Amino acid sequence: MTTIAARKLSVLAALLSGALLAADYQPYEDARITVEQWQAYFDTVLLEFADTMQEEADVNLVLFHDESTSTYFAFTTTANPAHPAWVTRRVIEQDGEIAVEQIGYFAGDEASFADLFDAISDLSAEMQKEFQRE
């Protein structure tokens, strides 16, 4: 059994026991989380969106997306200085305009996470500009 398949089974068992919820946009109240919370959320997103997984080795991220809600997840890998952390972006309509909202969580170094969050925020701003041009 592959590692991904084994992880899916373990997450499925947790879901069935009520231990985890679906991949909510804002699963925690505070940005600082525990390593266990990072792993639980990663496992949930992996279970729900494994077919969209993209490994971006050049930036040390694993990406997923939920087309039905226009939500994008970027999880750090162990080689990323911000690990463990993730940033979620969601495309929404706000006041008749297309907007990109962003939230992130970290269990590692806060300064490295802030750098990651800012870099993804810059991408979100570019994405929003592109939507406004269309």
N, C-alpha and C. Protein backbone atom coordinates (compact mmCIF):
# COMPACT_ATOMS: atom_id res chain seq x y z
N MET A 1 0.85 -1.18 0.00
CA MET A 1 0.00 0.00 0.00
C MET A 1 0.89 1.24 0.00
N THR A 2 0.56 2.20 -0.87
CA THR A 2 1.36 3.42 -0.94
C THR A 2 1.13 4.29 0.29
N THR A 3 2.06 5.19 0.51
CA THR A 3 1.96 6.09 1.65
C THR A 3 0.70 6.94 1.56
N ILE A 4 0.38 7.45 0.36
CA ILE A 4 -0.81 8.27 0.19
C ILE A 4 -2.06 7.45 0.48
N ALA A 5 -2.11 6.21 -0.01
CA ALA A 5 -3.28 5.35 0.25
C ALA A 5 -3.41 5.06 1.74
N ALA A 6 -2.31 4.79 2.40
CA ALA A 6 -2.35 4.52 3.84
C ALA A 6 -2.81 5.76 4.59
N ARG A 7 -2.32 6.93 4.19
CA ARG A 7 -2.72 8.18 4.84
C ARG A 7 -4.21 8.45 4.63
N LYS A 8 -4.70 8.18 3.40
CA LYS A 8 -6.12 8.35 3.12
C LYS A 8 -6.97 7.46 4.02
N LEU A 9 -6.54 6.22 4.19
CA LEU A 9 -7.29 5.31 5.06
C LEU A 9 -7.30 5.80 6.49
N SER A 10 -6.18 6.29 6.97
CA SER A 10 -6.12 6.77 8.35
C SER A 10 -7.00 8.01 8.54
N VAL A 11 -7.01 8.92 7.55
CA VAL A 11 -7.85 10.10 7.63
C VAL A 11 -9.32 9.70 7.54
N LEU A 12 -9.63 8.76 6.66
CA LEU A 12 -11.00 8.28 6.53
C LEU A 12 -11.50 7.72 7.86
N ALA A 13 -10.67 6.95 8.54
CA ALA A 13 -11.05 6.40 9.84
C ALA A 13 -11.32 7.53 10.83
N ALA A 14 -10.48 8.57 10.81
CA ALA A 14 -10.69 9.71 11.70
C ALA A 14 -11.97 10.45 11.37
N LEU A 15 -12.24 10.60 10.07
CA LEU A 15 -13.48 11.27 9.67
C LEU A 15 -14.70 10.49 10.14
N LEU A 16 -14.66 9.19 9.97
CA LEU A 16 -15.78 8.36 10.38
C LEU A 16 -16.00 8.40 11.88
N SER A 17 -14.94 8.59 12.62
CA SER A 17 -15.07 8.68 14.08
C SER A 17 -15.44 10.09 14.54
N GLY A 18 -15.54 11.03 13.58
CA GLY A 18 -15.92 12.40 13.93
C GLY A 18 -14.76 13.25 14.39
N ALA A 19 -13.52 12.76 14.23
CA ALA A 19 -12.36 13.50 14.73
C ALA A 19 -11.98 14.68 13.84
N LEU A 20 -12.34 14.65 12.57
CA LEU A 20 -11.97 15.72 11.66
C LEU A 20 -13.19 16.22 10.91
N LEU A 21 -13.14 17.47 10.48
CA LEU A 21 -14.20 18.04 9.66
C LEU A 21 -13.69 18.21 8.24
N ALA A 22 -14.56 18.61 7.35
CA ALA A 22 -14.15 18.89 5.98
C ALA A 22 -13.15 20.04 5.96
N ALA A 23 -12.54 20.23 4.82
CA ALA A 23 -11.52 21.26 4.66
C ALA A 23 -12.15 22.64 4.63
N ASP A 24 -12.46 23.17 5.79
CA ASP A 24 -13.02 24.51 5.91
C ASP A 24 -11.99 25.55 5.50
N TYR A 25 -12.47 26.67 4.99
CA TYR A 25 -11.57 27.76 4.62
C TYR A 25 -10.81 28.27 5.84
N GLN A 26 -11.48 28.41 6.96
CA GLN A 26 -10.86 28.90 8.19
C GLN A 26 -11.08 27.88 9.30
N PRO A 27 -10.24 26.85 9.35
CA PRO A 27 -10.47 25.78 10.32
C PRO A 27 -10.08 26.12 11.75
N TYR A 28 -9.23 27.12 11.94
CA TYR A 28 -8.77 27.48 13.28
C TYR A 28 -8.92 28.97 13.50
N GLU A 29 -9.09 29.36 14.74
CA GLU A 29 -9.29 30.76 15.08
C GLU A 29 -7.99 31.56 14.97
N ASP A 30 -6.88 30.97 15.40
CA ASP A 30 -5.59 31.66 15.42
C ASP A 30 -4.67 31.14 14.31
N ALA A 31 -3.81 32.01 13.81
CA ALA A 31 -2.86 31.62 12.77
C ALA A 31 -1.81 30.65 13.30
N ARG A 32 -1.41 30.80 14.57
CA ARG A 32 -0.43 29.87 15.14
C ARG A 32 -1.18 28.61 15.56
N ILE A 33 -0.71 27.49 15.01
CA ILE A 33 -1.33 26.20 15.29
C ILE A 33 -0.26 25.21 15.73
N THR A 34 -0.65 24.00 16.03
CA THR A 34 0.30 22.95 16.40
C THR A 34 0.67 22.14 15.16
N VAL A 35 1.75 21.40 15.27
CA VAL A 35 2.16 20.51 14.18
C VAL A 35 1.05 19.49 13.92
N GLU A 36 0.41 19.02 14.98
CA GLU A 36 -0.67 18.04 14.83
C GLU A 36 -1.86 18.64 14.07
N GLN A 37 -2.17 19.90 14.33
CA GLN A 37 -3.25 20.56 13.59
C GLN A 37 -2.88 20.72 12.12
N TRP A 38 -1.62 21.06 11.86
CA TRP A 38 -1.17 21.17 10.46
C TRP A 38 -1.35 19.83 9.77
N GLN A 39 -0.89 18.76 10.41
CA GLN A 39 -0.96 17.44 9.80
C GLN A 39 -2.41 17.00 9.59
N ALA A 40 -3.27 17.26 10.55
CA ALA A 40 -4.68 16.87 10.42
C ALA A 40 -5.34 17.59 9.25
N TYR A 41 -5.04 18.88 9.09
CA TYR A 41 -5.64 19.63 7.99
C TYR A 41 -5.06 19.20 6.65
N PHE A 42 -3.74 18.99 6.61
CA PHE A 42 -3.12 18.49 5.39
C PHE A 42 -3.77 17.17 4.99
N ASP A 43 -3.93 16.26 5.94
CA ASP A 43 -4.53 14.96 5.65
C ASP A 43 -5.96 15.10 5.15
N THR A 44 -6.71 16.03 5.71
CA THR A 44 -8.08 16.26 5.27
C THR A 44 -8.11 16.77 3.84
N VAL A 45 -7.27 17.76 3.53
CA VAL A 45 -7.22 18.30 2.18
C VAL A 45 -6.73 17.23 1.20
N LEU A 46 -5.74 16.45 1.60
CA LEU A 46 -5.25 15.37 0.75
C LEU A 46 -6.36 14.38 0.45
N LEU A 47 -7.12 14.01 1.43
CA LEU A 47 -8.22 13.07 1.23
C LEU A 47 -9.26 13.62 0.27
N GLU A 48 -9.61 14.87 0.43
CA GLU A 48 -10.65 15.48 -0.40
C GLU A 48 -10.19 15.84 -1.80
N PHE A 49 -8.92 16.24 -1.95
CA PHE A 49 -8.48 16.81 -3.22
C PHE A 49 -7.20 16.19 -3.78
N ALA A 50 -6.94 14.93 -3.44
CA ALA A 50 -5.71 14.25 -3.88
C ALA A 50 -5.55 14.29 -5.40
N ASP A 51 -6.64 14.23 -6.12
CA ASP A 51 -6.57 14.22 -7.57
C ASP A 51 -6.11 15.56 -8.16
N THR A 52 -6.06 16.62 -7.34
CA THR A 52 -5.60 17.92 -7.82
C THR A 52 -4.18 18.24 -7.35
N MET A 53 -3.56 17.33 -6.61
CA MET A 53 -2.27 17.60 -5.98
C MET A 53 -1.18 17.89 -7.01
N GLN A 54 -0.43 18.97 -6.75
CA GLN A 54 0.73 19.34 -7.56
C GLN A 54 1.88 19.61 -6.62
N GLU A 55 2.99 18.94 -6.85
CA GLU A 55 4.18 19.19 -6.04
C GLU A 55 5.05 20.19 -6.78
N GLU A 56 5.32 21.31 -6.13
CA GLU A 56 6.13 22.38 -6.71
C GLU A 56 7.47 22.41 -5.96
N ALA A 57 8.38 21.57 -6.41
CA ALA A 57 9.67 21.39 -5.73
C ALA A 57 10.50 22.67 -5.72
N ASP A 58 10.38 23.50 -6.76
CA ASP A 58 11.19 24.71 -6.83
C ASP A 58 10.83 25.73 -5.75
N VAL A 59 9.62 25.66 -5.21
CA VAL A 59 9.22 26.57 -4.13
C VAL A 59 8.86 25.81 -2.85
N ASN A 60 9.10 24.50 -2.85
CA ASN A 60 8.87 23.66 -1.67
C ASN A 60 7.45 23.74 -1.15
N LEU A 61 6.49 23.60 -2.08
CA LEU A 61 5.08 23.62 -1.74
C LEU A 61 4.35 22.45 -2.40
N VAL A 62 3.26 22.03 -1.76
CA VAL A 62 2.34 21.07 -2.34
C VAL A 62 1.02 21.81 -2.48
N LEU A 63 0.48 21.81 -3.69
CA LEU A 63 -0.72 22.59 -3.99
C LEU A 63 -1.92 21.69 -4.24
N PHE A 64 -3.08 22.16 -3.83
CA PHE A 64 -4.36 21.49 -4.07
C PHE A 64 -5.37 22.57 -4.44
N HIS A 65 -6.45 22.16 -5.11
CA HIS A 65 -7.53 23.13 -5.32
C HIS A 65 -8.89 22.44 -5.31
N ASP A 66 -9.86 23.22 -4.93
CA ASP A 66 -11.25 22.79 -4.92
C ASP A 66 -11.97 23.64 -5.95
N GLU A 67 -12.23 23.06 -7.11
CA GLU A 67 -12.87 23.81 -8.18
C GLU A 67 -14.26 24.29 -7.81
N SER A 68 -14.98 23.49 -7.03
CA SER A 68 -16.38 23.83 -6.71
C SER A 68 -16.49 25.11 -5.87
N THR A 69 -15.45 25.44 -5.11
CA THR A 69 -15.48 26.65 -4.29
C THR A 69 -14.39 27.65 -4.67
N SER A 70 -13.66 27.37 -5.74
CA SER A 70 -12.54 28.24 -6.17
C SER A 70 -11.57 28.50 -5.03
N THR A 71 -11.22 27.41 -4.33
CA THR A 71 -10.30 27.50 -3.19
C THR A 71 -9.00 26.81 -3.54
N TYR A 72 -7.88 27.45 -3.17
CA TYR A 72 -6.55 26.95 -3.48
C TYR A 72 -5.76 26.82 -2.19
N PHE A 73 -5.11 25.68 -2.00
CA PHE A 73 -4.34 25.39 -0.79
C PHE A 73 -2.87 25.25 -1.17
N ALA A 74 -1.97 25.87 -0.41
CA ALA A 74 -0.53 25.75 -0.61
C ALA A 74 0.10 25.33 0.72
N PHE A 75 0.55 24.08 0.79
CA PHE A 75 1.18 23.55 2.00
C PHE A 75 2.69 23.51 1.82
N THR A 76 3.41 23.85 2.86
CA THR A 76 4.87 23.77 2.81
C THR A 76 5.33 22.33 2.89
N THR A 77 6.49 22.07 2.29
CA THR A 77 7.17 20.79 2.47
C THR A 77 8.26 20.99 3.52
N THR A 78 8.88 19.92 3.93
CA THR A 78 9.91 20.02 4.97
C THR A 78 11.09 20.90 4.56
N ALA A 79 11.31 21.07 3.25
CA ALA A 79 12.42 21.90 2.77
C ALA A 79 12.09 23.40 2.81
N ASN A 80 10.86 23.75 3.06
CA ASN A 80 10.45 25.15 3.10
C ASN A 80 10.75 25.73 4.49
N PRO A 81 11.40 26.90 4.57
CA PRO A 81 11.73 27.49 5.88
C PRO A 81 10.51 27.76 6.77
N ALA A 82 9.33 27.90 6.18
CA ALA A 82 8.12 28.18 6.95
C ALA A 82 7.43 26.91 7.45
N HIS A 83 7.93 25.76 7.09
CA HIS A 83 7.27 24.49 7.43
C HIS A 83 7.23 24.25 8.93
N PRO A 84 6.13 23.75 9.44
CA PRO A 84 4.87 23.44 8.78
C PRO A 84 3.93 24.66 8.75
N ALA A 85 3.43 24.93 7.55
CA ALA A 85 2.52 26.06 7.36
C ALA A 85 1.71 25.82 6.10
N TRP A 86 0.62 26.57 5.96
CA TRP A 86 -0.12 26.58 4.71
C TRP A 86 -0.84 27.90 4.56
N VAL A 87 -1.15 28.20 3.29
CA VAL A 87 -1.91 29.39 2.94
C VAL A 87 -3.05 28.93 2.05
N THR A 88 -4.25 29.44 2.33
CA THR A 88 -5.42 29.12 1.53
C THR A 88 -5.93 30.41 0.90
N ARG A 89 -6.23 30.32 -0.40
CA ARG A 89 -6.80 31.46 -1.12
C ARG A 89 -8.15 31.03 -1.67
N ARG A 90 -9.07 31.98 -1.73
CA ARG A 90 -10.41 31.68 -2.24
C ARG A 90 -10.86 32.86 -3.09
N VAL A 91 -11.34 32.53 -4.28
CA VAL A 91 -11.86 33.54 -5.20
C VAL A 91 -13.34 33.74 -4.86
N ILE A 92 -13.71 35.00 -4.60
CA ILE A 92 -15.09 35.31 -4.23
C ILE A 92 -15.59 36.50 -5.04
N GLU A 93 -16.90 36.69 -5.02
CA GLU A 93 -17.48 37.90 -5.58
C GLU A 93 -17.83 38.81 -4.42
N GLN A 94 -17.36 40.05 -4.50
CA GLN A 94 -17.58 41.00 -3.42
C GLN A 94 -17.95 42.34 -4.03
N ASP A 95 -19.13 42.82 -3.73
CA ASP A 95 -19.62 44.10 -4.26
C ASP A 95 -19.56 44.13 -5.78
N GLY A 96 -19.93 43.01 -6.40
CA GLY A 96 -19.95 42.93 -7.85
C GLY A 96 -18.59 42.77 -8.50
N GLU A 97 -17.55 42.67 -7.71
CA GLU A 97 -16.18 42.50 -8.21
C GLU A 97 -15.65 41.14 -7.80
N ILE A 98 -14.73 40.62 -8.57
CA ILE A 98 -14.05 39.38 -8.21
C ILE A 98 -12.90 39.74 -7.28
N ALA A 99 -12.81 39.04 -6.16
CA ALA A 99 -11.76 39.30 -5.18
C ALA A 99 -11.11 37.98 -4.76
N VAL A 100 -9.91 38.08 -4.23
CA VAL A 100 -9.21 36.91 -3.71
C VAL A 100 -8.95 37.16 -2.23
N GLU A 101 -9.52 36.29 -1.39
CA GLU A 101 -9.23 36.40 0.04
C GLU A 101 -8.24 35.31 0.41
N GLN A 102 -7.49 35.57 1.45
CA GLN A 102 -6.38 34.69 1.81
C GLN A 102 -6.28 34.56 3.32
N ILE A 103 -5.95 33.35 3.76
CA ILE A 103 -5.74 33.07 5.18
C ILE A 103 -4.60 32.08 5.28
N GLY A 104 -3.89 32.09 6.39
CA GLY A 104 -2.78 31.16 6.55
C GLY A 104 -2.58 30.74 7.98
N TYR A 105 -1.89 29.62 8.13
CA TYR A 105 -1.62 29.02 9.44
C TYR A 105 -0.19 28.53 9.48
N PHE A 106 0.43 28.58 10.67
CA PHE A 106 1.81 28.13 10.79
C PHE A 106 2.05 27.48 12.14
N ALA A 107 2.94 26.50 12.13
CA ALA A 107 3.37 25.85 13.37
C ALA A 107 4.88 25.95 13.51
N GLY A 108 5.52 26.63 12.57
CA GLY A 108 6.96 26.78 12.57
C GLY A 108 7.36 28.22 12.85
N ASP A 109 8.39 28.67 12.14
CA ASP A 109 8.95 30.00 12.33
C ASP A 109 8.01 31.07 11.79
N GLU A 110 7.63 32.01 12.64
CA GLU A 110 6.65 33.04 12.26
C GLU A 110 7.18 33.97 11.17
N ALA A 111 8.44 34.36 11.25
CA ALA A 111 9.00 35.28 10.25
C ALA A 111 9.03 34.62 8.87
N SER A 112 9.40 33.35 8.81
CA SER A 112 9.41 32.63 7.53
C SER A 112 8.00 32.49 6.99
N PHE A 113 7.05 32.24 7.89
CA PHE A 113 5.65 32.15 7.47
C PHE A 113 5.18 33.49 6.91
N ALA A 114 5.55 34.58 7.57
CA ALA A 114 5.15 35.92 7.10
C ALA A 114 5.69 36.17 5.70
N ASP A 115 6.92 35.74 5.43
CA ASP A 115 7.50 35.89 4.09
C ASP A 115 6.69 35.08 3.07
N LEU A 116 6.35 33.85 3.43
CA LEU A 116 5.55 33.00 2.54
C LEU A 116 4.18 33.63 2.30
N PHE A 117 3.54 34.07 3.36
CA PHE A 117 2.21 34.67 3.26
C PHE A 117 2.24 35.90 2.35
N ASP A 118 3.26 36.74 2.52
CA ASP A 118 3.39 37.94 1.70
C ASP A 118 3.63 37.58 0.23
N ALA A 119 4.45 36.58 -0.03
CA ALA A 119 4.73 36.17 -1.41
C ALA A 119 3.45 35.66 -2.09
N ILE A 120 2.68 34.87 -1.36
CA ILE A 120 1.43 34.36 -1.92
C ILE A 120 0.41 35.48 -2.04
N SER A 121 0.45 36.42 -1.12
CA SER A 121 -0.43 37.59 -1.20
C SER A 121 -0.16 38.40 -2.46
N ASP A 122 1.11 38.51 -2.83
CA ASP A 122 1.46 39.20 -4.08
C ASP A 122 0.86 38.46 -5.28
N LEU A 123 0.91 37.13 -5.26
CA LEU A 123 0.29 36.34 -6.33
C LEU A 123 -1.22 36.54 -6.34
N SER A 124 -1.81 36.61 -5.16
CA SER A 124 -3.26 36.83 -5.06
C SER A 124 -3.64 38.18 -5.65
N ALA A 125 -2.84 39.20 -5.39
CA ALA A 125 -3.10 40.53 -5.94
C ALA A 125 -3.03 40.51 -7.47
N GLU A 126 -2.04 39.79 -7.99
CA GLU A 126 -1.93 39.65 -9.44
C GLU A 126 -3.12 38.89 -10.01
N MET A 127 -3.55 37.84 -9.31
CA MET A 127 -4.70 37.07 -9.74
C MET A 127 -5.95 37.95 -9.76
N GLN A 128 -6.11 38.78 -8.74
CA GLN A 128 -7.28 39.66 -8.67
C GLN A 128 -7.26 40.68 -9.80
N LYS A 129 -6.09 41.23 -10.10
CA LYS A 129 -5.97 42.17 -11.22
C LYS A 129 -6.37 41.52 -12.53
N GLU A 130 -5.94 40.27 -12.70
CA GLU A 130 -6.26 39.53 -13.92
C GLU A 130 -7.78 39.33 -14.05
N PHE A 131 -8.43 39.01 -12.95
CA PHE A 131 -9.89 38.83 -12.95
C PHE A 131 -10.59 40.14 -13.31
N GLN A 132 -10.06 41.24 -12.83
CA GLN A 132 -10.68 42.54 -13.10
C GLN A 132 -10.52 42.95 -14.56
N ARG A 133 -9.44 42.48 -15.20
CA ARG A 133 -9.22 42.78 -16.62
C ARG A 133 -10.18 42.02 -17.52
N GLU A 134 -10.62 40.86 -17.05
CA GLU A 134 -11.47 39.99 -17.89
C GLU A 134 -12.89 40.45 -17.97
